[in-house]
Protein backbone atom coordinates (compact mmCIF):
# COMPACT_ATOMS: atom_id res chain seq x y z
CA UNK A 1 100.47 -73.02 78.92
CA UNK A 2 100.21 -73.22 82.65
CA UNK A 3 97.80 -69.70 82.41
CA UNK A 4 95.68 -72.14 80.31
CA UNK A 5 95.70 -75.00 82.66
CA UNK A 6 94.72 -72.44 85.53
CA UNK A 7 91.94 -71.08 83.67
CA UNK A 8 90.30 -74.73 82.81
CA UNK A 9 90.68 -75.57 86.87
CA UNK A 10 88.75 -72.80 87.36
CA UNK A 11 86.16 -73.26 85.06
CA UNK A 12 86.01 -77.12 86.34
CA UNK A 13 85.90 -75.62 89.79
CA UNK A 14 82.76 -73.17 89.04
CA UNK A 15 80.97 -75.75 87.08
CA UNK A 16 81.33 -78.25 90.09
CA UNK A 17 80.01 -75.43 92.67
CA UNK A 18 77.26 -75.19 90.32
CA UNK A 19 76.48 -78.59 90.02
CA UNK A 20 76.46 -78.68 93.68
CA UNK A 21 74.43 -75.73 94.56
CA UNK A 22 71.85 -77.38 91.76
CA UNK A 23 72.29 -80.89 93.53
CA UNK A 24 71.56 -79.31 97.13
CA UNK A 25 68.48 -76.99 95.50
CA UNK A 26 67.19 -80.36 94.40
CA UNK A 27 67.96 -82.11 97.47
CA UNK A 28 66.06 -79.32 99.35
CA UNK A 29 62.97 -79.30 96.80
CA UNK A 30 63.16 -83.27 97.50
CA UNK A 31 62.83 -82.83 101.27
CA UNK A 32 59.78 -80.67 100.94
CA UNK A 33 58.09 -82.87 98.53
CA UNK A 34 58.96 -85.82 100.73
CA UNK A 35 57.55 -83.77 104.30
CA UNK A 36 54.26 -82.93 102.14
CA UNK A 37 54.04 -86.26 100.71
CA UNK A 38 54.16 -87.91 104.44
CA UNK A 39 51.83 -85.34 105.92
CA UNK A 40 49.53 -86.58 103.18
CA UNK A 41 50.10 -90.36 104.16
CA UNK A 42 49.26 -89.77 107.84
CA UNK A 43 46.28 -87.50 106.79
CA UNK A 44 45.08 -90.31 104.30
CA UNK A 45 45.72 -93.33 107.25
CA UNK A 46 43.82 -90.92 109.90
CA UNK A 47 41.17 -90.68 107.13
CA UNK A 48 41.07 -94.65 106.84
CA UNK A 49 40.68 -95.12 110.35
CA UNK A 50 38.16 -92.61 111.17
CA UNK A 51 36.15 -94.30 108.57
CA UNK A 52 37.08 -98.00 109.77
CA UNK A 53 36.20 -96.87 113.17
CA UNK A 54 32.48 -95.21 111.89
CA UNK A 55 32.13 -98.56 110.03
CA UNK A 56 33.50 -101.17 112.59
CA UNK A 57 34.58 -99.66 115.67
CA UNK A 58 32.27 -97.98 118.45
CA UNK A 59 30.31 -95.22 117.92
CA UNK A 60 30.58 -93.80 121.58
CA UNK A 61 33.44 -91.21 122.07
CA UNK A 62 32.71 -91.63 125.66
CA UNK A 63 36.06 -92.66 127.89
CA UNK A 64 36.06 -93.67 131.37
CA UNK A 65 37.55 -90.85 133.72
CA UNK A 66 39.79 -93.54 135.35
CA UNK A 67 41.09 -94.97 132.11
CA UNK A 68 42.05 -91.11 131.33
CA UNK A 69 43.99 -90.58 134.89
CA UNK A 70 45.65 -94.12 134.80
CA UNK A 71 46.96 -93.39 131.26
CA UNK A 72 48.04 -89.79 132.45
CA UNK A 73 49.61 -91.29 135.66
CA UNK A 74 51.14 -93.48 133.77
CA UNK A 75 52.93 -90.92 131.33
CA UNK A 76 54.11 -89.13 134.59
CA UNK A 77 55.62 -91.91 136.00
CA UNK A 78 57.45 -92.59 132.85
CA UNK A 79 58.57 -89.03 132.93
CA UNK A 80 59.90 -89.31 136.53
CA UNK A 81 62.00 -92.38 135.83
CA UNK A 82 63.63 -90.61 132.53
CA UNK A 83 64.24 -87.51 134.55
CA UNK A 84 65.53 -90.00 137.43
CA UNK A 85 68.12 -91.09 135.00
CA UNK A 86 69.21 -87.96 133.87
CA UNK A 87 69.42 -86.37 137.24
CA UNK A 88 72.56 -84.37 138.30
CA UNK A 89 73.80 -84.23 141.70
CA UNK A 90 72.34 -81.56 143.67
CA UNK A 91 69.41 -81.69 141.82
CA UNK A 92 66.06 -81.70 143.61
CA UNK A 93 64.33 -85.44 143.37
CA UNK A 94 61.18 -85.68 140.70
CA UNK A 95 58.95 -85.92 143.33
CA UNK A 96 59.39 -82.51 144.62
CA UNK A 97 59.12 -81.24 140.65
CA UNK A 98 56.09 -82.59 139.94
CA UNK A 99 52.32 -83.32 141.38
CA UNK A 100 51.54 -86.99 142.42
CA UNK A 101 48.93 -87.81 140.19
CA UNK A 102 45.59 -87.95 141.70
CA UNK A 103 44.97 -91.51 140.84
CA UNK A 104 47.69 -93.06 143.26
CA UNK A 105 45.99 -91.46 146.33
CA UNK A 106 42.88 -92.52 145.18
CA UNK A 107 44.63 -96.18 145.09
CA UNK A 108 45.46 -95.97 148.78
CA UNK A 109 42.28 -95.21 150.21
CA UNK A 110 40.83 -97.82 152.46
CA UNK A 111 38.56 -100.70 150.78
CA UNK A 112 35.83 -99.17 152.98
CA UNK A 113 35.96 -95.37 151.55
CA UNK A 114 36.29 -96.86 148.17
CA UNK A 115 33.31 -95.62 146.42
CA UNK A 116 31.25 -98.62 145.35
CA UNK A 117 29.48 -99.02 141.88
CA UNK A 118 25.87 -98.88 141.75
CA UNK A 119 24.49 -102.45 140.57
CA UNK A 120 22.51 -102.48 137.43
CA UNK A 121 18.77 -103.63 137.94
CA UNK A 122 18.09 -106.57 136.89
CA UNK A 123 15.31 -108.90 136.09
CA UNK A 124 11.96 -107.88 134.44
CA UNK A 125 9.55 -104.70 135.50
CA UNK A 126 6.16 -105.27 136.05
CA UNK A 127 4.06 -104.23 133.13
CA UNK A 128 2.29 -101.10 133.12
CA UNK A 129 -1.24 -100.81 135.00
CA UNK A 130 -3.07 -99.18 132.08
CA UNK A 131 -2.87 -102.47 129.93
CA UNK A 132 -6.07 -104.61 130.45
CA UNK A 133 -5.67 -107.75 132.48
CA UNK A 134 -7.61 -111.13 131.75
CA UNK A 135 -7.66 -113.59 134.40
CA UNK A 136 -6.96 -117.22 133.28
CA UNK A 137 -7.52 -119.96 136.01
CA UNK A 138 -5.55 -123.17 135.93
CA UNK A 139 -7.41 -125.33 138.33
CA UNK A 140 -6.11 -128.67 139.92
CA UNK A 141 -6.59 -132.00 138.75
CA UNK A 142 -9.48 -133.42 141.01
CA UNK A 143 -7.45 -136.64 141.30
CA UNK A 144 -4.87 -134.42 143.43
CA UNK A 145 -6.75 -132.03 144.91
CA UNK A 146 -7.59 -134.81 147.99
CA UNK A 147 -5.13 -135.22 150.92
CA UNK A 148 -2.40 -138.03 150.74
CA UNK A 149 -1.72 -137.84 154.05
CA UNK A 150 -5.09 -138.59 155.92
CA UNK A 151 -6.74 -141.83 155.90
CA UNK A 152 -10.25 -140.83 154.44
CA UNK A 153 -8.27 -138.47 151.88
CA UNK A 154 -10.86 -135.53 152.47
CA UNK A 155 -10.89 -132.52 149.66
CA UNK A 156 -7.99 -129.72 149.62
CA UNK A 157 -9.09 -126.29 150.17
CA UNK A 158 -7.84 -123.25 148.43
CA UNK A 159 -5.22 -121.39 150.82
CA UNK A 160 -3.43 -118.98 148.62
CA UNK A 161 -2.66 -118.69 144.79
CA UNK A 162 0.35 -117.87 142.77
CA UNK A 163 0.00 -115.18 139.55
CA UNK A 164 2.36 -115.37 136.51
CA UNK A 165 1.92 -112.50 134.42
CA UNK A 166 2.35 -112.87 130.67
CA UNK A 167 2.48 -110.25 127.67
CA UNK A 168 0.16 -111.11 125.01
CA UNK A 169 -0.03 -109.48 121.52
CA UNK A 170 -3.65 -109.59 120.08
CA UNK A 171 -4.09 -109.78 116.51
CA UNK A 172 -4.31 -106.43 114.07
CA UNK A 173 -7.64 -105.81 113.30
CA UNK A 174 -9.35 -103.27 111.00
CA UNK A 175 -13.08 -102.65 110.10
CA UNK A 176 -14.95 -100.50 107.56
CA UNK A 177 -17.25 -98.12 108.65
CA UNK A 178 -19.90 -97.56 106.48
CA UNK A 179 -20.87 -93.52 106.70
CA UNK A 180 -24.60 -93.67 106.16
CA UNK A 181 -26.38 -90.12 105.20
CA UNK A 182 -30.24 -90.61 105.23
CA UNK A 183 -32.14 -88.51 102.37
CA UNK A 184 -35.11 -86.82 104.16
CA UNK A 185 -37.75 -85.18 102.09
CA UNK A 186 -41.20 -83.99 102.47
CA UNK A 187 -43.80 -87.05 102.19
CA UNK A 188 -46.14 -85.02 100.13
CA UNK A 189 -44.51 -82.88 97.56
CA UNK A 190 -41.28 -84.68 97.98
CA UNK A 191 -39.20 -81.27 97.94
CA UNK A 192 -36.52 -80.07 100.08
CA UNK A 193 -34.30 -83.19 99.96
CA UNK A 194 -31.66 -82.66 102.80
CA UNK A 195 -29.12 -84.87 104.70
CA UNK A 196 -26.48 -84.52 107.50
CA UNK A 197 -23.60 -82.57 106.50
CA UNK A 198 -21.28 -85.03 104.94
CA UNK A 199 -17.36 -85.63 106.02
CA UNK A 200 -14.68 -85.60 103.80
CA UNK A 201 -14.15 -89.23 102.43
CA UNK A 202 -11.73 -88.74 99.29
CA UNK A 203 -9.08 -90.14 101.51
CA UNK A 204 -10.90 -93.55 101.79
CA UNK A 205 -9.49 -93.43 105.65
CA UNK A 206 -10.15 -92.61 108.92
CA UNK A 207 -7.23 -90.52 110.90
CA UNK A 208 -6.48 -93.57 113.06
CA UNK A 209 -5.56 -95.36 110.16
CA UNK A 210 -3.01 -92.03 108.83
CA UNK A 211 -1.62 -91.39 112.12
CA UNK A 212 -0.67 -95.13 112.46
CA UNK A 213 0.88 -95.05 109.04
CA UNK A 214 2.79 -91.56 109.76
CA UNK A 215 4.04 -92.76 113.10
CA UNK A 216 5.54 -95.75 111.68
CA UNK A 217 7.08 -93.75 109.16
CA UNK A 218 8.75 -90.99 111.26
CA UNK A 219 8.99 -92.58 114.58
CA UNK A 220 9.47 -96.51 113.59
CA UNK A 221 11.50 -95.68 110.49
CA UNK A 222 9.70 -98.43 108.68
CA UNK A 223 9.28 -96.99 104.99
CA UNK A 224 5.79 -97.31 102.95
CA UNK A 225 6.64 -100.31 101.01
CA UNK A 226 7.11 -102.41 103.90
CA UNK A 227 3.87 -101.09 105.38
CA UNK A 228 1.90 -101.71 102.21
CA UNK A 229 3.53 -105.45 102.75
CA UNK A 230 2.11 -105.47 105.69
CA UNK A 231 -1.37 -104.53 104.91
CA UNK A 232 -0.91 -107.12 102.14
CA UNK A 233 -0.43 -109.70 104.68
CA UNK A 234 -3.87 -108.74 106.19
CA UNK A 235 -5.57 -108.99 102.86
CA UNK A 236 -5.98 -105.23 102.74
CA UNK A 237 -5.03 -103.92 99.23
CA UNK A 238 -3.49 -100.49 99.52
CA UNK A 239 -1.28 -98.71 96.61
CA UNK A 240 1.91 -97.10 98.18
CA UNK A 241 0.89 -94.02 96.26
CA UNK A 242 -2.34 -94.33 98.92
CA UNK A 243 0.00 -94.61 101.49
CA UNK A 244 1.90 -91.44 99.98
CA UNK A 245 -1.10 -89.38 99.54
CA UNK A 246 -2.19 -90.10 103.50
CA UNK A 247 1.13 -88.57 104.88
CA UNK A 248 1.38 -85.88 102.57
CA UNK A 249 -2.61 -84.71 103.63
CA UNK A 250 -1.20 -85.35 106.79
CA UNK A 251 1.55 -82.83 106.40
CA UNK A 252 -0.53 -80.30 104.96
CA UNK A 253 -3.01 -80.27 107.95
CA UNK A 254 -0.35 -79.77 110.71
CA UNK A 255 1.43 -77.08 108.67
CA UNK A 256 -0.15 -74.34 110.54
CA UNK A 257 0.94 -76.17 113.80
CA UNK A 258 4.52 -76.25 112.75
CA UNK A 259 4.58 -72.82 111.58
CA UNK A 260 3.19 -71.88 115.50
CA UNK A 261 6.07 -74.32 116.61
CA UNK A 262 8.76 -72.39 114.65
CA UNK A 263 7.30 -68.67 115.67
CA UNK A 264 7.83 -69.69 119.15
CA UNK A 265 11.48 -70.94 118.44
CA UNK A 266 12.39 -67.61 116.94
CA UNK A 267 11.29 -65.96 119.91
CA UNK A 268 13.56 -67.82 122.48
CA UNK A 269 16.78 -66.05 123.27
CA UNK A 270 19.06 -68.80 122.25
CA UNK A 271 18.39 -70.96 119.42
CA UNK A 272 20.30 -74.73 118.45
CA UNK A 273 20.86 -75.57 114.72
CA UNK A 274 22.57 -78.06 112.77
CA UNK A 275 21.75 -80.27 109.18
CA UNK A 276 21.64 -83.41 107.86
CA UNK A 277 21.89 -84.60 104.12
CA UNK A 278 19.06 -86.50 102.24
CA UNK A 279 18.49 -87.98 99.34
CA UNK A 280 16.03 -85.80 96.82
CA UNK A 281 14.53 -86.84 93.69
CA UNK A 282 14.68 -85.04 90.69
CA UNK A 283 12.05 -84.96 87.89
CA UNK A 284 13.87 -86.67 85.29
CA UNK A 285 14.52 -89.66 88.15
CA UNK A 286 18.17 -88.85 89.12
CA UNK A 287 19.07 -88.16 92.86
CA UNK A 288 20.55 -85.18 94.35
CA UNK A 289 21.96 -84.50 97.82
CA UNK A 290 19.38 -81.94 99.57
CA UNK A 291 19.33 -81.02 103.35
CA UNK A 292 17.03 -81.03 106.39
CA UNK A 293 17.97 -77.87 108.64
CA UNK A 294 16.83 -78.54 112.15
CA UNK A 295 16.24 -75.09 114.55
CA UNK A 296 15.29 -75.88 118.13
CA UNK A 297 15.53 -75.65 122.00
CA UNK A 298 17.79 -77.44 124.13
CA UNK A 299 15.68 -80.69 124.40
CA UNK A 300 12.66 -79.23 124.07
CA UNK A 301 10.86 -78.36 120.44
CA UNK A 302 12.76 -78.54 116.99
CA UNK A 303 11.38 -77.23 113.62
CA UNK A 304 12.85 -79.01 110.40
CA UNK A 305 13.21 -76.82 107.27
CA UNK A 306 13.99 -78.54 103.81
CA UNK A 307 16.26 -76.96 101.22
CA UNK A 308 18.03 -78.39 98.29
CA UNK A 309 21.18 -77.13 99.27
CA UNK A 310 23.60 -75.87 101.82
CA UNK A 311 23.71 -72.53 101.30
CA UNK A 312 23.34 -69.40 103.51
CA UNK A 313 19.92 -68.75 102.21
CA UNK A 314 18.16 -71.81 104.23
CA UNK A 315 18.84 -70.43 108.14
CA UNK A 316 19.06 -66.62 106.55
CA UNK A 317 15.20 -66.94 105.49
CA UNK A 318 13.88 -69.16 108.48
CA UNK A 319 15.73 -67.14 111.06
CA UNK A 320 14.36 -63.93 109.30
CA UNK A 321 12.35 -61.97 112.18
CA UNK A 322 13.77 -63.79 115.00
CA UNK A 323 14.25 -61.81 118.75
CA UNK A 324 17.24 -64.21 119.74
CA UNK A 325 20.48 -62.55 120.69
CA UNK A 326 22.37 -66.33 120.10
CA UNK A 327 22.38 -69.22 117.99
CA UNK A 328 24.51 -72.04 118.85
CA UNK A 329 25.99 -74.34 115.91
CA UNK A 330 28.97 -75.94 115.14
CA UNK A 331 31.70 -74.05 112.83
CA UNK A 332 30.15 -74.44 109.34
CA UNK A 333 30.54 -71.46 106.75
CA UNK A 334 27.07 -71.63 106.16
CA UNK A 335 26.38 -70.02 109.25
CA UNK A 336 28.78 -67.25 108.95
CA UNK A 337 26.90 -65.12 106.77
CA UNK A 338 23.66 -65.50 109.00
CA UNK A 339 24.93 -64.08 112.30
CA UNK A 340 26.31 -60.66 110.42
CA UNK A 341 22.92 -60.26 108.64
CA UNK A 342 20.67 -60.87 111.65
CA UNK A 343 23.09 -59.39 114.43
CA UNK A 344 23.37 -63.00 116.23
CA UNK A 345 26.17 -63.93 118.25
CA UNK A 346 27.73 -67.13 117.75
CA UNK A 347 27.98 -69.97 120.59
CA UNK A 348 30.10 -72.76 119.22
CA UNK A 349 29.89 -76.43 119.86
CA UNK A 350 32.54 -78.44 122.18
CA UNK A 351 31.16 -81.65 120.74
CA UNK A 352 32.62 -81.22 117.55
CA UNK A 353 35.82 -79.45 119.09
CA UNK A 354 36.00 -82.60 121.01
CA UNK A 355 35.69 -84.94 118.50
CA UNK A 356 38.01 -84.14 116.18
CA UNK A 357 40.54 -83.99 118.77
CA UNK A 358 39.45 -87.45 119.88
CA UNK A 359 40.03 -88.96 116.42
CA UNK A 360 43.27 -87.27 116.05
CA UNK A 361 44.63 -88.85 119.54
CA UNK A 362 47.19 -91.25 117.37
CA UNK A 363 49.18 -88.09 116.67
CA UNK A 364 50.15 -87.41 120.44
CA UNK A 365 47.99 -89.90 122.81
CA UNK A 366 49.16 -88.16 126.30
CA UNK A 367 48.25 -84.40 124.72
CA UNK A 368 44.86 -85.63 123.70
CA UNK A 369 44.54 -87.57 127.01
CA UNK A 370 45.10 -84.64 129.09
CA UNK A 371 42.52 -82.22 126.87
CA UNK A 372 40.23 -85.17 127.14
CA UNK A 373 40.26 -84.79 131.14
CA UNK A 374 40.01 -81.37 131.07
CA UNK A 375 36.91 -81.41 128.93
CA UNK A 376 35.70 -83.97 130.73
CA UNK A 377 35.66 -81.83 133.94
CA UNK A 378 33.33 -79.55 132.34
CA UNK A 379 30.91 -81.75 131.22
CA UNK A 380 30.99 -83.04 134.92
CA UNK A 381 29.85 -79.30 136.31
CA UNK A 382 27.11 -79.15 133.47
CA UNK A 383 25.68 -82.85 134.70
CA UNK A 384 25.75 -81.61 138.56
CA UNK A 385 23.81 -78.39 137.20
CA UNK A 386 21.52 -80.48 136.05
CA UNK A 387 21.15 -83.08 138.23
CA UNK A 388 20.72 -80.84 141.19
CA UNK A 389 17.85 -78.65 139.09
CA UNK A 390 19.64 -75.36 139.29
CA UNK A 391 17.96 -72.56 137.75
CA UNK A 392 19.53 -70.30 134.84
CA UNK A 393 21.29 -67.91 137.72
CA UNK A 394 22.62 -70.56 139.94
CA UNK A 395 23.88 -72.69 136.74
CA UNK A 396 25.71 -69.20 135.00
CA UNK A 397 27.25 -68.79 138.80
CA UNK A 398 28.11 -72.40 138.75
CA UNK A 399 29.82 -71.60 135.70
CA UNK A 400 31.55 -68.56 136.38
CA UNK A 401 33.01 -70.03 139.87
CA UNK A 402 33.87 -73.48 138.58
CA UNK A 403 34.21 -74.03 134.98
CA UNK A 404 35.86 -70.62 133.65
CA UNK A 405 39.16 -71.49 135.58
CA UNK A 406 39.35 -74.81 133.69
CA UNK A 407 38.11 -73.40 130.49
CA UNK A 408 41.04 -71.11 130.49
CA UNK A 409 43.21 -73.39 131.18
CA UNK A 410 42.36 -75.87 127.97
CA UNK A 411 42.67 -72.70 125.94
CA UNK A 412 45.89 -71.99 127.21
CA UNK A 413 46.86 -75.44 126.76
CA UNK A 414 45.61 -75.76 123.19
CA UNK A 415 47.69 -72.96 122.07
CA UNK A 416 50.51 -74.06 123.41
CA UNK A 417 50.15 -77.80 121.97
CA UNK A 418 49.22 -75.87 118.31
CA UNK A 419 52.29 -74.49 117.99
CA UNK A 420 54.26 -77.63 118.26
CA UNK A 421 52.34 -79.28 115.17
CA UNK A 422 52.41 -79.40 111.59
CA UNK A 423 49.19 -77.17 110.82
CA UNK A 424 47.73 -80.18 108.37
CA UNK A 425 48.48 -83.05 110.81
CA UNK A 426 45.24 -84.40 111.96
CA UNK A 427 45.89 -82.81 115.25
CA UNK A 428 46.91 -79.53 114.19
CA UNK A 429 43.78 -79.19 112.16
CA UNK A 430 41.68 -80.28 114.87
CA UNK A 431 43.44 -77.77 117.43
CA UNK A 432 42.96 -74.93 114.68
CA UNK A 433 39.60 -75.68 114.67
CA UNK A 434 39.40 -75.50 118.49
CA UNK A 435 41.08 -72.04 118.87
CA UNK A 436 39.43 -70.77 116.18
CA UNK A 437 36.00 -71.47 117.91
CA UNK A 438 37.65 -70.94 121.04
CA UNK A 439 35.90 -67.20 121.67
CA UNK A 440 32.45 -68.16 120.52
CA UNK A 441 32.76 -71.36 122.57
CA UNK A 442 33.70 -68.97 126.00
CA UNK A 443 30.05 -67.12 125.57
CA UNK A 444 28.73 -70.28 126.91
CA UNK A 445 30.06 -69.13 130.03
CA UNK A 446 27.82 -66.00 129.88
CA UNK A 447 24.75 -66.97 128.25
CA UNK A 448 22.58 -69.09 130.71
CA UNK A 449 20.49 -70.35 128.35
CA UNK A 450 23.22 -71.75 126.25
CA UNK A 451 24.55 -75.61 126.38
CA UNK A 452 28.19 -76.43 126.44
CA UNK A 453 27.51 -78.58 123.10
CA UNK A 454 25.22 -79.08 120.12
CA UNK A 455 24.51 -82.40 121.24
CA UNK A 456 20.66 -81.76 122.01
CA UNK A 457 19.99 -80.76 117.88
CA UNK A 458 22.12 -83.69 116.75
CA UNK A 459 20.09 -86.07 118.78
CA UNK A 460 16.68 -84.38 117.13
CA UNK A 461 18.75 -85.44 114.11
CA UNK A 462 19.30 -88.91 114.64
CA UNK A 463 15.29 -89.42 113.95
CA UNK A 464 16.39 -88.70 110.10
CA UNK A 465 19.38 -90.34 109.84
CA UNK A 466 17.81 -93.64 110.98
CA UNK A 467 15.03 -93.07 108.94
CA UNK A 468 16.89 -92.46 105.64
CA UNK A 469 18.57 -96.10 105.71
CA UNK A 470 15.16 -97.51 105.33
CA UNK A 471 13.28 -94.86 102.97
CA UNK A 472 16.25 -94.03 101.12
CA UNK A 473 14.83 -90.78 99.60
CA UNK A 474 12.13 -87.61 100.40
CA UNK A 475 10.77 -88.06 96.35
CA UNK A 476 10.60 -84.45 95.25
CA UNK A 477 10.89 -81.00 96.21
CA UNK A 478 7.36 -81.08 97.78
CA UNK A 479 8.18 -84.34 99.43
CA UNK A 480 10.58 -83.34 101.05
CA UNK A 481 8.94 -80.23 102.76
CA UNK A 482 6.00 -82.45 103.58
CA UNK A 483 8.63 -84.70 105.48
CA UNK A 484 10.04 -81.62 107.34
CA UNK A 485 6.78 -80.83 109.01
CA UNK A 486 5.84 -84.75 110.12
CA UNK A 487 9.63 -84.97 111.47
CA UNK A 488 9.11 -81.80 113.33
CA UNK A 489 5.86 -82.87 115.55
CA UNK A 490 7.44 -86.55 115.97
CA UNK A 491 10.41 -85.98 116.74
CA UNK A 492 9.37 -83.05 119.26
CA UNK A 493 6.83 -85.57 120.71
CA UNK A 494 9.60 -87.66 121.42
CA UNK A 495 11.64 -84.89 123.03
CA UNK A 496 8.62 -83.87 125.31
CA UNK A 497 7.41 -86.92 126.65
CA UNK A 498 4.21 -86.97 124.47
CA UNK A 499 3.08 -90.29 122.73
CA UNK A 500 3.27 -89.81 119.28
CA UNK A 501 0.07 -91.64 118.06
CA UNK A 502 -1.98 -90.41 121.03
CA UNK A 503 -1.14 -86.81 119.78
CA UNK A 504 -1.36 -87.37 116.43
CA UNK A 505 -4.79 -89.08 116.03
CA UNK A 506 -6.24 -86.52 118.67
CA UNK A 507 -5.10 -83.54 117.06
CA UNK A 508 -6.17 -84.60 113.33
CA UNK A 509 -9.87 -84.60 114.88
CA UNK A 510 -9.65 -81.59 116.23
CA UNK A 511 -7.91 -79.27 113.50
CA UNK A 512 -11.21 -78.92 111.52
CA UNK A 513 -13.32 -76.93 113.97
CA UNK A 514 -10.16 -75.49 116.58
CA UNK A 515 -9.99 -71.73 116.08
CA UNK A 516 -6.70 -70.44 114.54
CA UNK A 517 -5.96 -68.18 117.20
CA UNK A 518 -5.86 -70.97 119.52
CA UNK A 519 -3.38 -73.11 117.39
CA UNK A 520 -0.95 -73.29 120.29
CA UNK A 521 -3.12 -75.70 121.91
CA UNK A 522 -2.50 -78.16 119.19
CA UNK A 523 1.49 -77.77 119.61
CA UNK A 524 3.05 -80.88 121.37
CA UNK A 525 3.49 -78.82 124.22
CA UNK A 526 0.50 -77.10 124.15
CA UNK A 527 -1.69 -80.51 123.76
CA UNK A 528 0.38 -81.97 126.60
CA UNK A 529 -0.78 -79.19 129.08
CA UNK A 530 -4.88 -79.03 127.62
CA UNK A 531 -5.50 -82.27 126.28
CA UNK A 532 -3.15 -85.29 126.84
CA UNK A 533 -5.03 -88.47 129.05
CA UNK A 534 -4.08 -88.55 132.62
CA UNK A 535 -3.24 -92.46 131.67
CA UNK A 536 -1.53 -93.94 128.70
CA UNK A 537 -3.75 -94.17 126.09
CA UNK A 538 -3.37 -97.68 123.65
CA UNK A 539 -0.93 -97.18 120.81
CA UNK A 540 -1.32 -97.67 117.17
CA UNK A 541 -3.04 -100.77 116.04
CA UNK A 542 -0.08 -102.30 114.49
């Protein structure tokens, strides 16, 4: 009986141990699941915060350097206080172990040595000199134009005048030009009828009107239906389809100019690129997301290429035959096969790296502040180089001497911080992206033509982003291609300081007789050097 009892207890003991092991395994699985759910929750909170900021918060990512220094100094002071509380006898004071923040040294400076903030200009600036002036006299009332002090009240004489300028908008005026072609024939035999060569009158509009419509849509972001409403208010019945035909005709005319700009861009040592989405209408009326790819030079020419998708074929076909050695982009996967196929070296974008870190600052505020402060130093070096107007060689030397040590320290800091973070956390993802892009980012230290970021090409895309909120879609695929041509010219004009209406109005008149071998003269840069007026011409009539 005793042996049976012992065997029963042993069996019960084994069963309980198995249950304990099963419960332990279940506990570990639940803990892992809890960690995964916690990570998902934090990521969702981060996504919501990013969307809320984009909808309701400030768009700018700028942070005052003094604010960053103050936050870092506050964290350092708190760390010193905590260290002082935990200090053991014989340990050196905290001040000997940690360098005092620079912000305190700046605060101790005398008031007369502190840099004063530059006052913002106020008041109204004078109107441009090229505007016509019309003098309007305001004579004094004859009853008041006599001296009240003298007994005989002699008349007053003019000793000076006060002037006040007001800007006046004149009513919009359109006129209809009636082109007359006399028919000439022999008065005897009435044979050999001849007339002057006829101009193309299929559009029923002069290039001045077409240029105005294009500038309003692609520079001022007015969709065609709003322009149609403007013509209706002037009692000029023009359908929206007619306006669409005018813009399509203009795009076809300027296509050789856009191709000349693309050829010029492909011949430069470094090209910047980015893309944005636009809506495209299919033949069945449904909407689909297409892409406008931008290829350009830093703050200079930019050419847009319309594609129906985001595949690698777009940049690969556009950049085919390029002599450039470097392509500056973000870390998009569409570019990866292009680098290998066209033997291009990737230069990364610091703005994309910084943006992800900035948006994840809630994970580790102090670490993000340290990174942002270091990145600000790199940007200040670039700003100083531009302000000094340094040559490419001098700018490269400045980067090697001042930016390279900071850049290497930031890379080490990113690698160190990433080890202590969860890979799927917002800051972990941001630092992983930064670490992956860091070798490509380092090329800006070796390439004089490269910028620290890709903000130049992103700024060019802003004209598309602002416009698509109003015109909603580009029509069908052919409409997207025509829009890309006009965006290329209008946004390049803005970047080069060329007045868009004066430029477009002039080249549309020159194109029919301009030799194709000199087509570069009709690009915004070529036109600015060869044909641009010395003084600012009047803009569009609207």
